[in-house]
Amino acid sequence: MKMSQEHYNYIKEKVIGIANLIPKYKEHLKTDTRVKDLNKRLLWDVFYSTKIYNNYSYQEFDYKDTRIETAMKAIFKELNL
């Protein structure tokens, strides 16, 4: 994974903070006919809810989408989400 451990840990801690809400939100997304890829949508919605840009500038957190997706998938897997 090409993300600093500091950034990864920050996101993971934020996801842990809302982990109990994620299953219910996923069920809600299942009913939204606009959602084409449920898992990708869930991953990005959860990522944006971390509000990483409150603590890091865009320059400090300058990763391609694929890097963020890889990190988020790893976090979801670690937390069994």
Protein backbone atom coordinates (compact mmCIF):
# COMPACT_ATOMS: atom_id res chain seq x y z
CA MET A 1 0.00 0.00 0.00
CA LYS A 2 1.35 3.38 -0.93
CA MET A 3 -0.02 5.46 1.92
CA SER A 4 1.86 6.63 4.96
CA GLN A 5 1.21 4.64 8.11
CA GLU A 6 0.22 7.87 9.83
CA HIS A 7 -2.53 8.60 7.28
CA TYR A 8 -3.70 4.98 7.29
CA ASN A 9 -3.94 4.93 11.08
CA TYR A 10 -5.80 8.25 11.11
CA ILE A 11 -8.42 6.98 8.66
CA LYS A 12 -8.70 3.66 10.48
CA GLU A 13 -9.34 5.36 13.82
CA LYS A 14 -12.05 7.49 12.23
CA VAL A 15 -13.67 4.41 10.66
CA ILE A 16 -13.52 2.59 13.99
CA GLY A 17 -15.41 5.52 15.50
CA ILE A 18 -18.37 4.97 13.16
CA ALA A 19 -18.05 1.21 12.56
CA ASN A 20 -21.27 0.45 14.42
CA LEU A 21 -23.19 2.73 12.01
CA ILE A 22 -21.80 1.27 8.78
CA PRO A 23 -23.99 -1.89 8.51
CA LYS A 24 -27.18 0.14 8.91
CA TYR A 25 -25.96 2.69 6.36
CA LYS A 26 -25.12 -0.14 3.95
CA GLU A 27 -28.68 -1.44 4.27
CA HIS A 28 -29.94 2.05 3.50
CA LEU A 29 -27.76 2.27 0.38
CA LYS A 30 -29.16 -1.03 -0.87
CA THR A 31 -32.53 0.65 -1.31
CA ASP A 32 -31.09 3.58 -3.29
CA THR A 33 -31.62 2.81 -6.97
CA ARG A 34 -29.00 5.40 -7.95
CA VAL A 35 -26.21 3.32 -6.38
CA LYS A 36 -24.48 1.29 -9.08
CA ASP A 37 -21.65 -0.27 -7.04
CA LEU A 38 -22.72 -0.66 -3.42
CA ASN A 39 -19.32 -1.55 -1.97
CA LYS A 40 -17.48 1.25 -3.75
CA ARG A 41 -20.14 3.79 -2.76
CA LEU A 42 -20.01 2.63 0.85
CA LEU A 43 -16.22 2.78 0.89
CA TRP A 44 -16.12 6.35 -0.44
CA ASP A 45 -18.96 7.61 1.74
CA VAL A 46 -17.18 6.27 4.80
CA PHE A 47 -13.86 7.75 3.62
CA TYR A 48 -15.37 11.20 3.17
CA SER A 49 -16.97 10.94 6.58
CA THR A 50 -13.45 10.72 8.08
CA LYS A 51 -12.96 14.38 7.08
CA ILE A 52 -9.24 13.77 6.72
CA TYR A 53 -8.82 17.22 5.22
CA ASN A 54 -9.62 18.76 8.60
CA ASN A 55 -6.20 17.59 9.83
CA TYR A 56 -4.27 17.23 6.58
CA SER A 57 -4.08 19.57 3.61
CA TYR A 58 -4.73 18.34 0.09
CA GLN A 59 -0.98 18.54 -0.51
CA GLU A 60 -0.23 16.37 2.52
CA PHE A 61 -2.89 13.85 1.55
CA ASP A 62 -2.27 13.67 -2.18
CA TYR A 63 -3.10 10.05 -3.08
CA LYS A 64 -4.70 8.67 -6.20
CA ASP A 65 -8.16 7.18 -5.79
CA THR A 66 -6.79 3.67 -6.20
CA ARG A 67 -4.47 4.17 -3.21
CA ILE A 68 -7.36 5.38 -1.06
CA GLU A 69 -9.56 2.48 -2.19
CA THR A 70 -6.83 -0.03 -1.36
CA ALA A 71 -6.40 1.45 2.11
CA MET A 72 -10.14 1.56 2.76
CA LYS A 73 -10.60 -2.04 1.60
CA ALA A 74 -7.82 -3.09 3.98
CA ILE A 75 -9.46 -1.19 6.85
CA PHE A 76 -12.85 -2.72 6.10
CA LYS A 77 -11.28 -6.17 6.02
CA GLU A 78 -9.45 -5.59 9.33
CA LEU A 79 -12.69 -4.45 10.97
CA ASN A 80 -14.85 -7.15 9.33
CA LEU A 81 -17.15 -4.58 7.70
